[in-house]
C-alpha atoms as a PDB file:
ATOM      1  CA  UNK A   1      51.349 229.815 157.709  1.00  0.00           C
ATOM      2  CA  UNK A   2      49.493 231.700 160.414  1.00  0.00           C
ATOM      3  CA  UNK A   3      51.030 234.963 161.613  1.00  0.00           C
ATOM      4  CA  UNK A   4      51.746 235.636 165.264  1.00  0.00           C
ATOM      5  CA  UNK A   5      49.944 238.464 167.004  1.00  0.00           C
ATOM      6  CA  UNK A   6      53.131 240.547 167.006  1.00  0.00           C
ATOM      7  CA  UNK A   7      53.396 240.156 163.210  1.00  0.00           C
ATOM      8  CA  UNK A   8      49.744 241.099 162.778  1.00  0.00           C
ATOM      9  CA  UNK A   9      50.199 244.119 165.058  1.00  0.00           C
ATOM     10  CA  UNK A  10      53.279 245.291 163.170  1.00  0.00           C
ATOM     11  CA  UNK A  11      51.456 245.065 159.823  1.00  0.00           C
ATOM     12  CA  UNK A  12      48.378 246.739 161.337  1.00  0.00           C
ATOM     13  CA  UNK A  13      50.353 249.718 162.644  1.00  0.00           C
ATOM     14  CA  UNK A  14      51.776 250.499 159.196  1.00  0.00           C
ATOM     15  CA  UNK A  15      48.585 249.730 157.241  1.00  0.00           C
ATOM     16  CA  UNK A  16      46.261 252.216 155.561  1.00  0.00           C
ATOM     17  CA  UNK A  17      42.816 252.781 157.045  1.00  0.00           C
ATOM     18  CA  UNK A  18      41.142 250.300 154.683  1.00  0.00           C
ATOM     19  CA  UNK A  19      43.884 247.734 155.311  1.00  0.00           C
ATOM     20  CA  UNK A  20      43.478 248.175 159.085  1.00  0.00           C
ATOM     21  CA  UNK A  21      39.751 247.510 158.750  1.00  0.00           C
ATOM     22  CA  UNK A  22      40.385 244.420 156.629  1.00  0.00           C
ATOM     23  CA  UNK A  23      42.957 243.064 159.104  1.00  0.00           C
ATOM     24  CA  UNK A  24      40.704 243.772 162.098  1.00  0.00           C
ATOM     25  CA  UNK A  25      37.651 242.146 160.548  1.00  0.00           C
ATOM     26  CA  UNK A  26      39.427 239.069 159.177  1.00  0.00           C
ATOM     27  CA  UNK A  27      41.903 238.278 161.971  1.00  0.00           C
ATOM     28  CA  UNK A  28      41.230 234.908 163.562  1.00  0.00           C
ATOM     29  CA  UNK A  29      42.057 233.410 166.942  1.00  0.00           C
ATOM     30  CA  UNK A  30      42.838 236.719 168.626  1.00  0.00           C
ATOM     31  CA  UNK A  31      41.857 237.311 172.229  1.00  0.00           C
ATOM     32  CA  UNK A  32      39.689 240.224 173.343  1.00  0.00           C
ATOM     33  CA  UNK A  33      42.830 241.823 174.776  1.00  0.00           C
ATOM     34  CA  UNK A  34      44.639 241.511 171.444  1.00  0.00           C
ATOM     35  CA  UNK A  35      41.722 243.112 169.589  1.00  0.00           C
ATOM     36  CA  UNK A  36      41.762 245.934 172.168  1.00  0.00           C
ATOM     37  CA  UNK A  37      45.501 246.370 171.599  1.00  0.00           C
ATOM     38  CA  UNK A  38      44.947 246.727 167.850  1.00  0.00           C
ATOM     39  CA  UNK A  39      42.290 249.360 168.525  1.00  0.00           C
ATOM     40  CA  UNK A  40      44.953 251.467 170.229  1.00  0.00           C
ATOM     41  CA  UNK A  41      46.531 251.886 166.778  1.00  0.00           C
ATOM     42  CA  UNK A  42      43.279 252.681 164.974  1.00  0.00           C
ATOM     43  CA  UNK A  43      42.425 256.344 164.266  1.00  0.00           C
ATOM     44  CA  UNK A  44      39.605 257.243 166.638  1.00  0.00           C
ATOM     45  CA  UNK A  45      37.923 259.564 164.140  1.00  0.00           C
ATOM     46  CA  UNK A  46      37.257 256.544 161.895  1.00  0.00           C
ATOM     47  CA  UNK A  47      35.829 254.177 164.530  1.00  0.00           C
ATOM     48  CA  UNK A  48      32.361 254.445 162.990  1.00  0.00           C
ATOM     49  CA  UNK A  49      33.693 253.034 159.714  1.00  0.00           C
ATOM     50  CA  UNK A  50      35.274 250.116 161.601  1.00  0.00           C
ATOM     51  CA  UNK A  51      32.071 249.522 163.552  1.00  0.00           C
ATOM     52  CA  UNK A  52      30.061 249.330 160.318  1.00  0.00           C
ATOM     53  CA  UNK A  53      32.545 246.836 158.854  1.00  0.00           C
ATOM     54  CA  UNK A  54      32.483 244.653 161.972  1.00  0.00           C
ATOM     55  CA  UNK A  55      28.673 244.695 162.124  1.00  0.00           C
ATOM     56  CA  UNK A  56      28.319 243.759 158.455  1.00  0.00           C
ATOM     57  CA  UNK A  57      30.230 240.485 159.003  1.00  0.00           C
END
C-alpha cells in the first residue's frame, strides 16, 4: 500500500539522517513542491550528503 504524502512527511521528520536520505531518494510520485517541503525538515549542514545521494541515482 502506497503511503500518502502526509505519512511520508511524518516519518521523514522523525527519521535519522540516513533514513531521511533513503526516504528522499526513493520516494515516488511526489511533486516538486512536496520534495521542497521535505527539504524544510532536512538539516542544512548535511545537504551535500543528500546531493551526493540524489546524484548517484
